[in-house]
Protein backbone atom coordinates (compact mmCIF):
# COMPACT_ATOMS: atom_id res chain seq x y z
CA UNK A 1 -0.12 -0.05 0.11
CA UNK A 2 1.13 3.10 -0.66
CA UNK A 3 2.24 5.97 1.92
CA UNK A 4 -0.46 8.81 2.01
CA UNK A 5 -0.02 12.52 2.97
CA UNK A 6 -2.53 14.85 4.27
CA UNK A 7 -3.32 18.00 2.64
CA UNK A 8 -5.59 20.48 4.08
CA UNK A 9 -7.60 23.14 2.58
CA UNK A 10 -8.41 26.34 2.80
CA UNK A 11 -11.95 26.95 4.88
CA UNK A 12 -12.80 29.40 1.65
CA UNK A 13 -12.40 27.04 -1.29
CA UNK A 14 -13.87 23.83 1.33
CA UNK A 15 -17.11 24.01 -0.56
CA UNK A 16 -16.05 23.67 -3.92
CA UNK A 17 -14.03 20.30 -3.18
CA UNK A 18 -17.46 18.63 -1.36
CA UNK A 19 -19.49 19.25 -4.38
CA UNK A 20 -16.97 17.66 -6.47
CA UNK A 21 -14.39 19.69 -7.80
CA UNK A 22 -11.71 17.39 -8.50
CA UNK A 23 -8.44 19.47 -9.46
CA UNK A 24 -6.58 20.13 -6.93
CA UNK A 25 -4.69 23.58 -7.05
CA UNK A 26 -1.76 25.13 -4.48
CA UNK A 27 -3.93 28.30 -3.55
CA UNK A 28 -6.42 25.98 -1.87
CA UNK A 29 -3.65 23.99 0.37
CA UNK A 30 -2.68 25.50 3.42
CA UNK A 31 0.63 23.13 4.13
CA UNK A 32 1.33 23.27 0.24
CA UNK A 33 5.20 24.28 1.29
CA UNK A 34 5.34 20.64 2.28
CA UNK A 35 8.06 18.42 -0.03
CA UNK A 36 5.59 15.34 -1.54
CA UNK A 37 6.76 13.37 -4.19
CA UNK A 38 4.60 13.04 -7.57
CA UNK A 39 2.29 9.71 -7.12
CA UNK A 40 1.91 10.00 -3.63
CA UNK A 41 -1.46 9.15 -2.61
CA UNK A 42 -2.90 12.69 -0.76
CA UNK A 43 -6.32 12.64 1.46
CA UNK A 44 -7.76 16.47 1.33
CA UNK A 45 -8.99 17.49 4.73
CA UNK A 46 -10.54 20.43 5.46
CA UNK A 47 -8.97 22.66 8.70
CA UNK A 48 -10.75 20.73 11.16
CA UNK A 49 -9.60 17.50 9.51
CA UNK A 50 -12.72 15.94 8.44
CA UNK A 51 -12.11 13.72 5.19
CA UNK A 52 -12.83 15.46 1.89
CA UNK A 53 -11.98 13.06 -0.80
CA UNK A 54 -8.42 11.43 -1.48
CA UNK A 55 -6.42 11.41 -5.09
CA UNK A 56 -2.28 11.60 -6.12
CA UNK A 57 -0.12 14.54 -6.25
CA UNK A 58 1.32 15.78 -9.70
CA UNK A 59 1.94 18.61 -10.73
CA UNK A 60 1.01 19.81 -14.36
CA UNK A 61 0.27 22.87 -15.84
CA UNK A 62 -3.16 22.89 -14.57
CA UNK A 63 -2.30 22.28 -10.66
CA UNK A 64 -0.97 20.05 -8.07
CA UNK A 65 -3.01 16.79 -8.31
CA UNK A 66 -6.66 15.30 -9.14
CA UNK A 67 -8.68 14.02 -6.66
CA UNK A 68 -10.35 10.31 -7.55
CA UNK A 69 -12.55 9.42 -4.65
CA UNK A 70 -14.60 10.67 -2.06
CA UNK A 71 -15.10 7.03 -0.25
CA UNK A 72 -12.39 7.36 2.77
CA UNK A 73 -11.71 3.37 2.37
CA UNK A 74 -11.68 3.37 -0.62
CA UNK A 75 -8.27 2.40 -2.20
CA UNK A 76 -6.24 3.81 -5.13
CA UNK A 77 -5.20 0.43 -6.39
CA UNK A 78 -4.75 -2.33 -9.57
CA UNK A 79 -8.55 -2.98 -9.28
CA UNK A 80 -9.16 1.21 -8.92
CA UNK A 81 -7.62 2.11 -12.12
CA UNK A 82 -9.34 -1.41 -13.87
CA UNK A 83 -13.24 -0.30 -12.44
CA UNK A 84 -12.19 3.19 -14.47
CA UNK A 85 -10.68 1.72 -17.43
CA UNK A 86 -13.70 -0.86 -17.73
CA UNK A 87 -16.02 1.18 -17.32
CA UNK A 88 -14.72 4.19 -20.25
CA UNK A 89 -14.81 1.18 -22.57
CA UNK A 90 -18.45 0.40 -21.95
CA UNK A 91 -19.06 3.71 -22.60
CA UNK A 92 -17.19 3.92 -25.83
CA UNK A 93 -18.65 0.09 -27.09
CA UNK A 94 -20.44 2.00 -29.91
CA UNK A 95 -17.60 3.02 -31.88
CA UNK A 96 -15.64 -0.47 -31.68
CA UNK A 97 -18.59 -1.50 -33.48
CA UNK A 98 -18.18 1.41 -36.21
CA UNK A 99 -16.44 0.41 -39.15
CA UNK A 100 -16.12 3.87 -40.75
CA UNK A 101 -14.42 4.97 -37.47
CA UNK A 102 -11.43 3.72 -36.37
CA UNK A 103 -9.67 6.36 -33.95
CA UNK A 104 -11.24 7.39 -30.93
CA UNK A 105 -10.26 8.18 -27.30
CA UNK A 106 -11.38 5.80 -24.65
CA UNK A 107 -10.92 7.32 -21.28
CA UNK A 108 -10.57 11.64 -20.88
CA UNK A 109 -9.39 11.77 -18.11
CA UNK A 110 -11.16 13.49 -15.19
CA UNK A 111 -14.36 12.87 -17.12
CA UNK A 112 -14.22 9.49 -16.83
CA UNK A 113 -12.78 9.75 -13.38
CA UNK A 114 -9.28 9.94 -13.52
CA UNK A 115 -7.17 13.41 -14.15
CA UNK A 116 -4.22 13.76 -15.67
CA UNK A 117 -4.79 10.51 -18.00
CA UNK A 118 -5.66 10.02 -21.67
CA UNK A 119 -6.39 6.91 -23.77
CA UNK A 120 -6.28 6.90 -27.38
CA UNK A 121 -7.86 4.13 -29.61
CA UNK A 122 -6.10 4.19 -33.45
CA UNK A 123 -7.42 0.74 -34.89
CA UNK A 124 -6.13 -1.96 -32.59
CA UNK A 125 -3.06 0.05 -30.95
CA UNK A 126 -3.61 2.05 -28.03
CA UNK A 127 -2.14 5.71 -27.14
CA UNK A 128 -1.68 6.48 -23.37
CA UNK A 129 -0.84 10.50 -22.73
CA UNK A 130 0.01 10.95 -19.45
CA UNK A 131 0.18 15.07 -18.00
CA UNK A 132 2.35 14.83 -14.95
CA UNK A 133 4.91 12.70 -13.38
CA UNK A 134 2.45 12.00 -9.98
CA UNK A 135 0.15 9.71 -12.66
CA UNK A 136 2.89 8.41 -14.33
CA UNK A 137 4.31 6.40 -11.13
CA UNK A 138 0.57 4.29 -11.59
CA UNK A 139 2.05 3.45 -15.40
CA UNK A 140 1.60 -0.42 -14.33
CA UNK A 141 -1.89 -0.23 -12.82
CA UNK A 142 -2.86 1.54 -16.42
CA UNK A 143 -0.86 -1.18 -18.31
CA UNK A 144 -2.59 -4.23 -16.92
CA UNK A 145 -6.35 -2.70 -16.79
CA UNK A 146 -5.70 -2.31 -20.31
CA UNK A 147 -4.07 -6.15 -20.88
CA UNK A 148 -7.44 -7.47 -18.67
CA UNK A 149 -9.72 -6.21 -20.42
CA UNK A 150 -9.02 -5.90 -23.89
CA UNK A 151 -6.84 -7.25 -27.32
CA UNK A 152 -4.56 -4.87 -28.67
CA UNK A 153 -1.89 -4.88 -31.25
CA UNK A 154 0.15 -2.74 -29.28
CA UNK A 155 0.07 0.44 -26.88
CA UNK A 156 2.45 3.75 -27.08
CA UNK A 157 2.82 6.24 -24.78
CA UNK A 158 3.56 9.92 -24.93
CA UNK A 159 4.96 11.61 -21.80
CA UNK A 160 3.81 15.44 -21.56
CA UNK A 161 5.65 16.31 -18.06
CA UNK A 162 9.06 18.08 -18.56
CA UNK A 163 10.28 20.56 -16.82
CA UNK A 164 8.00 22.97 -19.44
CA UNK A 165 5.16 20.81 -18.93
CA UNK A 166 5.43 19.94 -22.75
CA UNK A 167 6.04 16.31 -24.54
CA UNK A 168 9.61 14.15 -23.64
CA UNK A 169 10.93 12.98 -26.77
CA UNK A 170 11.55 9.07 -26.35
CA UNK A 171 10.97 5.49 -28.02
CA UNK A 172 7.16 6.01 -26.65
CA UNK A 173 6.64 2.36 -27.49
CA UNK A 174 5.44 0.37 -24.05
CA UNK A 175 4.39 -3.06 -25.07
CA UNK A 176 2.60 -5.75 -27.94
CA UNK A 177 3.99 -4.95 -31.42
CA UNK A 178 5.35 -2.00 -32.62
CA UNK A 179 3.33 -0.31 -35.49
CA UNK A 180 4.37 -0.01 -38.90
CA UNK A 181 4.08 3.78 -39.77
CA UNK A 182 1.88 5.57 -40.88
CA UNK A 183 -1.10 3.53 -39.59
CA UNK A 184 -3.60 4.75 -41.83
CA UNK A 185 -7.14 4.44 -39.49
CA UNK A 186 -10.53 5.64 -40.52
CA UNK A 187 -12.84 8.55 -39.13
CA UNK A 188 -16.62 8.47 -41.11
CA UNK A 189 -14.99 6.97 -43.97
CA UNK A 190 -11.96 8.82 -44.73
CA UNK A 191 -8.46 7.84 -44.01
CA UNK A 192 -5.73 9.06 -42.18
CA UNK A 193 -2.22 8.58 -41.34
CA UNK A 194 -1.05 8.73 -37.94
CA UNK A 195 1.96 8.33 -36.02
CA UNK A 196 2.32 6.99 -32.44
CA UNK A 197 6.71 6.95 -32.54
CA UNK A 198 7.16 10.44 -33.51
CA UNK A 199 6.71 13.30 -30.87
CA UNK A 200 3.82 14.69 -29.42
CA UNK A 201 1.67 14.82 -31.86
CA UNK A 202 0.44 11.79 -33.98
CA UNK A 203 -0.97 13.63 -37.29
CA UNK A 204 -4.60 14.49 -35.89
CA UNK A 205 -6.86 15.74 -33.02
CA UNK A 206 -9.85 13.59 -32.40
CA UNK A 207 -11.73 15.65 -30.68
CA UNK A 208 -12.93 17.48 -34.22
CA UNK A 209 -14.61 14.61 -36.03
CA UNK A 210 -17.85 15.77 -36.38
CA UNK A 211 -16.74 19.54 -37.09
CA UNK A 212 -14.74 17.48 -40.34
CA UNK A 213 -17.37 15.54 -40.98
CA UNK A 214 -19.66 18.32 -41.22
CA UNK A 215 -17.31 20.58 -43.54
CA UNK A 216 -17.68 17.85 -45.95
CA UNK A 217 -21.05 17.04 -45.80
CA UNK A 218 -22.99 20.81 -45.47
CA UNK A 219 -20.32 23.15 -46.46
CA UNK A 220 -17.36 22.14 -48.53
CA UNK A 221 -19.29 21.70 -52.15
CA UNK A 222 -17.92 23.75 -54.96
CA UNK A 223 -15.99 26.06 -52.55
CA UNK A 224 -12.82 27.68 -52.05
CA UNK A 225 -11.78 27.09 -49.03
CA UNK A 226 -8.51 28.41 -46.57
CA UNK A 227 -7.40 25.94 -43.66
CA UNK A 228 -5.41 28.40 -41.68
CA UNK A 229 -3.02 26.64 -38.81
CA UNK A 230 -3.65 23.83 -41.29
CA UNK A 231 -1.59 21.13 -39.25
CA UNK A 232 -1.41 17.94 -41.32
CA UNK A 233 -4.70 19.29 -43.08
CA UNK A 234 -7.42 17.06 -41.68
CA UNK A 235 -9.89 19.99 -42.67
CA UNK A 236 -8.59 20.66 -46.12
CA UNK A 237 -8.89 16.62 -47.44
CA UNK A 238 -12.34 16.42 -45.54
CA UNK A 239 -13.28 19.92 -47.69
CA UNK A 240 -11.95 18.25 -50.71
CA UNK A 241 -13.89 15.35 -50.54
CA UNK A 242 -17.24 17.00 -49.96
CA UNK A 243 -16.27 18.76 -54.04
CA UNK A 244 -14.42 21.82 -52.82
CA UNK A 245 -13.32 23.53 -55.98
CA UNK A 246 -9.66 23.62 -54.51
CA UNK A 247 -8.19 23.83 -50.86
CA UNK A 248 -5.45 26.20 -49.42
CA UNK A 249 -3.85 25.14 -46.47
CA UNK A 250 -1.47 26.95 -44.55
CA UNK A 251 0.67 26.61 -41.54
CA UNK A 252 4.36 27.64 -40.50
CA UNK A 253 5.63 24.52 -39.62
CA UNK A 254 7.95 23.07 -42.47
CA UNK A 255 6.76 19.55 -41.96
CA UNK A 256 3.06 20.20 -42.45
CA UNK A 257 3.63 20.36 -46.25
CA UNK A 258 5.13 16.68 -46.15
CA UNK A 259 1.82 15.61 -43.90
CA UNK A 260 -0.59 17.18 -45.46
CA UNK A 261 0.70 15.66 -48.89
CA UNK A 262 0.73 12.85 -47.20
CA UNK A 263 -3.06 13.07 -45.70
CA UNK A 264 -4.14 13.63 -49.81
CA UNK A 265 -2.56 10.88 -51.28
CA UNK A 266 -3.67 8.38 -48.77
CA UNK A 267 -7.40 9.61 -49.94
CA UNK A 268 -6.19 9.43 -53.52
CA UNK A 269 -6.62 13.51 -54.03
CA UNK A 270 -4.60 15.15 -56.51
CA UNK A 271 -2.21 17.17 -54.08
CA UNK A 272 -0.93 19.31 -56.70
CA UNK A 273 -4.40 20.61 -57.57
CA UNK A 274 -4.30 21.96 -54.01
CA UNK A 275 -2.39 24.80 -52.49
CA UNK A 276 0.23 23.54 -49.38
CA UNK A 277 1.68 26.49 -48.05
CA UNK A 278 4.31 26.93 -45.08
CA UNK A 279 4.17 30.59 -43.94
CA UNK A 280 3.10 32.31 -40.68
CA UNK A 281 -0.65 32.26 -41.66
CA UNK A 282 -0.67 36.38 -40.14
CA UNK A 283 1.54 37.10 -43.31
CA UNK A 284 -0.93 35.08 -45.77
CA UNK A 285 -3.62 37.02 -44.69
CA UNK A 286 -1.82 40.49 -45.48
CA UNK A 287 -0.56 38.56 -48.55
CA UNK A 288 -4.38 37.74 -49.54
CA UNK A 289 -5.63 40.80 -48.76
CA UNK A 290 -2.55 42.76 -50.76
CA UNK A 291 -3.48 39.83 -53.61
CA UNK A 292 -7.50 40.62 -53.46
CA UNK A 293 -8.17 36.96 -52.78
CA UNK A 294 -11.11 36.15 -51.15
CA UNK A 295 -12.32 32.30 -49.77
CA UNK A 296 -16.11 30.89 -49.52
CA UNK A 297 -14.83 29.24 -46.12
CA UNK A 298 -12.08 30.25 -43.82
CA UNK A 299 -11.35 27.41 -41.46
CA UNK A 300 -9.48 28.76 -37.91
CA UNK A 301 -8.24 26.29 -35.70
CA UNK A 302 -5.20 28.00 -33.99
CA UNK A 303 -3.24 26.46 -30.93
CA UNK A 304 -4.01 28.22 -27.60
CA UNK A 305 -0.96 29.83 -27.59
CA UNK A 306 1.56 30.40 -30.55
CA UNK A 307 5.06 31.98 -31.12
CA UNK A 308 6.13 32.54 -34.47
CA UNK A 309 9.77 35.38 -35.14
CA UNK A 310 7.34 37.95 -35.33
CA UNK A 311 4.22 36.70 -33.61
CA UNK A 312 2.87 35.67 -30.74
CA UNK A 313 -0.71 34.49 -30.78
CA UNK A 314 -2.58 34.03 -27.03
CA UNK A 315 -6.22 32.98 -27.75
CA UNK A 316 -7.82 34.45 -24.51
CA UNK A 317 -6.36 37.90 -25.83
CA UNK A 318 -5.58 38.06 -29.47
CA UNK A 319 -9.34 35.30 -31.05
CA UNK A 320 -11.16 38.88 -32.05
CA UNK A 321 -8.02 40.62 -33.80
CA UNK A 322 -7.27 37.10 -35.76
CA UNK A 323 -11.57 36.74 -36.66
CA UNK A 324 -11.57 40.05 -38.28
CA UNK A 325 -8.12 39.25 -40.43
CA UNK A 326 -10.46 35.94 -41.54
CA UNK A 327 -13.63 38.30 -42.22
CA UNK A 328 -11.66 40.65 -44.61
CA UNK A 329 -10.90 37.63 -47.01
CA UNK A 330 -14.36 35.70 -46.65
CA UNK A 331 -16.67 36.52 -49.68
CA UNK A 332 -19.96 37.65 -48.62
CA UNK A 333 -22.34 34.88 -47.54
CA UNK A 334 -19.29 32.89 -46.95
CA UNK A 335 -18.24 30.85 -44.12
CA UNK A 336 -15.84 31.32 -41.36
CA UNK A 337 -15.28 27.87 -39.13
CA UNK A 338 -14.00 29.32 -35.80
CA UNK A 339 -12.83 27.17 -33.13
CA UNK A 340 -10.36 27.34 -29.90
CA UNK A 341 -8.96 24.51 -28.12
CA UNK A 342 -8.66 27.60 -24.80
CA UNK A 343 -10.04 26.36 -21.54
CA UNK A 344 -9.46 29.58 -19.92
CA UNK A 345 -12.77 31.32 -21.53
CA UNK A 346 -16.54 29.39 -22.36
CA UNK A 347 -18.40 29.29 -25.76
CA UNK A 348 -20.62 32.72 -24.31
CA UNK A 349 -17.47 34.57 -24.28
CA UNK A 350 -16.17 32.68 -27.82
CA UNK A 351 -19.43 34.29 -28.90
CA UNK A 352 -18.54 37.31 -27.74
CA UNK A 353 -15.30 37.81 -29.64
CA UNK A 354 -16.81 36.33 -32.54
CA UNK A 355 -20.04 40.00 -32.41
CA UNK A 356 -16.59 42.70 -31.55
CA UNK A 357 -14.71 41.27 -34.57
CA UNK A 358 -17.90 41.62 -36.84
CA UNK A 359 -18.72 44.86 -34.84
CA UNK A 360 -15.13 46.47 -35.31
CA UNK A 361 -15.16 45.64 -39.40
CA UNK A 362 -18.69 47.22 -39.55
CA UNK A 363 -20.40 43.46 -41.06
CA UNK A 364 -23.32 41.61 -40.03
CA UNK A 365 -23.30 37.57 -39.31
CA UNK A 366 -25.28 34.85 -38.70
CA UNK A 367 -24.24 31.85 -36.02
CA UNK A 368 -25.47 28.36 -37.79
CA UNK A 369 -24.20 25.93 -35.71
CA UNK A 370 -21.97 24.95 -32.93
CA UNK A 371 -19.86 22.16 -31.08
CA UNK A 372 -18.00 21.24 -28.55
CA UNK A 373 -16.45 18.23 -27.47
CA UNK A 374 -17.79 15.10 -29.06
CA UNK A 375 -19.21 11.67 -26.69
CA UNK A 376 -15.92 9.35 -26.53
CA UNK A 377 -14.14 12.81 -25.11
CA UNK A 378 -16.15 12.47 -21.93
CA UNK A 379 -15.94 15.72 -19.56
CA UNK A 380 -17.39 16.14 -16.19
CA UNK A 381 -20.08 18.48 -14.67
CA UNK A 382 -17.92 19.46 -11.82
CA UNK A 383 -15.17 20.19 -14.17
CA UNK A 384 -16.40 22.97 -16.51
CA UNK A 385 -13.09 23.59 -17.86
CA UNK A 386 -12.01 19.75 -18.89
CA UNK A 387 -14.93 20.78 -21.88
CA UNK A 388 -12.53 23.11 -23.54
CA UNK A 389 -13.81 22.58 -27.48
CA UNK A 390 -16.12 25.32 -28.65
CA UNK A 391 -16.53 25.30 -32.52
CA UNK A 392 -19.27 27.74 -34.16
CA UNK A 393 -20.15 27.88 -38.59
CA UNK A 394 -20.61 31.42 -38.84
CA UNK A 395 -22.06 32.93 -41.93
CA UNK A 396 -20.68 36.25 -43.25
CA UNK A 397 -24.08 37.91 -44.34
């Protein structure tokens, strides 16, 4: 049995934890200066030493650990992890039966009862993301849970907890058989090339599945589409398969070009008929204005925070101005797909950015539809920040 350490909660934060909030954060703890090892089981108590909950200590960018149970005598052991993973798998059964989609999330952190841990499925391979050294101390429990519950080709992992909170370069292979990459997975019938062994990212963000399908099925036919911050071009591929007249993908990363060519190619699309541009998106906006370029659809899916030589972008501060740049090069009656994964503000504030951007450019607009996380990305009602994705389809009047 692991050692337990007591963490005393300030009275002003007590109700929040008792009501179910799962993230342990330093400001809430009275004895926070104690040296606590990552992965230590912590008991949260109030100022009168009354039990609140039990979890683990693990520093990540959001806090210093997660509550896992409100039951004082529940052990955080192999059985605990196996039950949590089993429950999560049960909720995703319909995905395992869908031949058109072979990549999805099977465990989503605090939404499935264990903050700091996610597990994704890629056609027989499982990828575990560890978001702190603390949760990584439970690695054997998680691997054993998967071994006992599922058949797998192989298991890979991403350790996202170096000193800057970023990905730690590693081989990433854990057990089973090594994959031959790229693995070609399906998403709503579309092929996507993924790499589980090559850096922090695998080649596709699974949380955008419904958005990509909507772009393909409803909005891209015969349209000119600009995909900014395009990464490996997945939105462009779906637009092209939906009958887009032409797609233009723009991303600053050099490797985005070869990765985008690959995604077009595995779907039998002539990539030479598309534009794939390696450039700072903000410079491209200026170029498009100079050349009087306009698009029927502009897709905006920037990282929450990004830095290039000339620009620093923060979604919380700069999204409104990014929208203004997009509005300037969107055709009348054109569509802007505005997306953010920034967890520091909600949908209401995001729509406020949209309203201000159109007001300041003197334009009118209509909100067509909106998306948050798909249902394999299960979230907790007690932790609203976990439901980070906000996507709005906007029609420029």
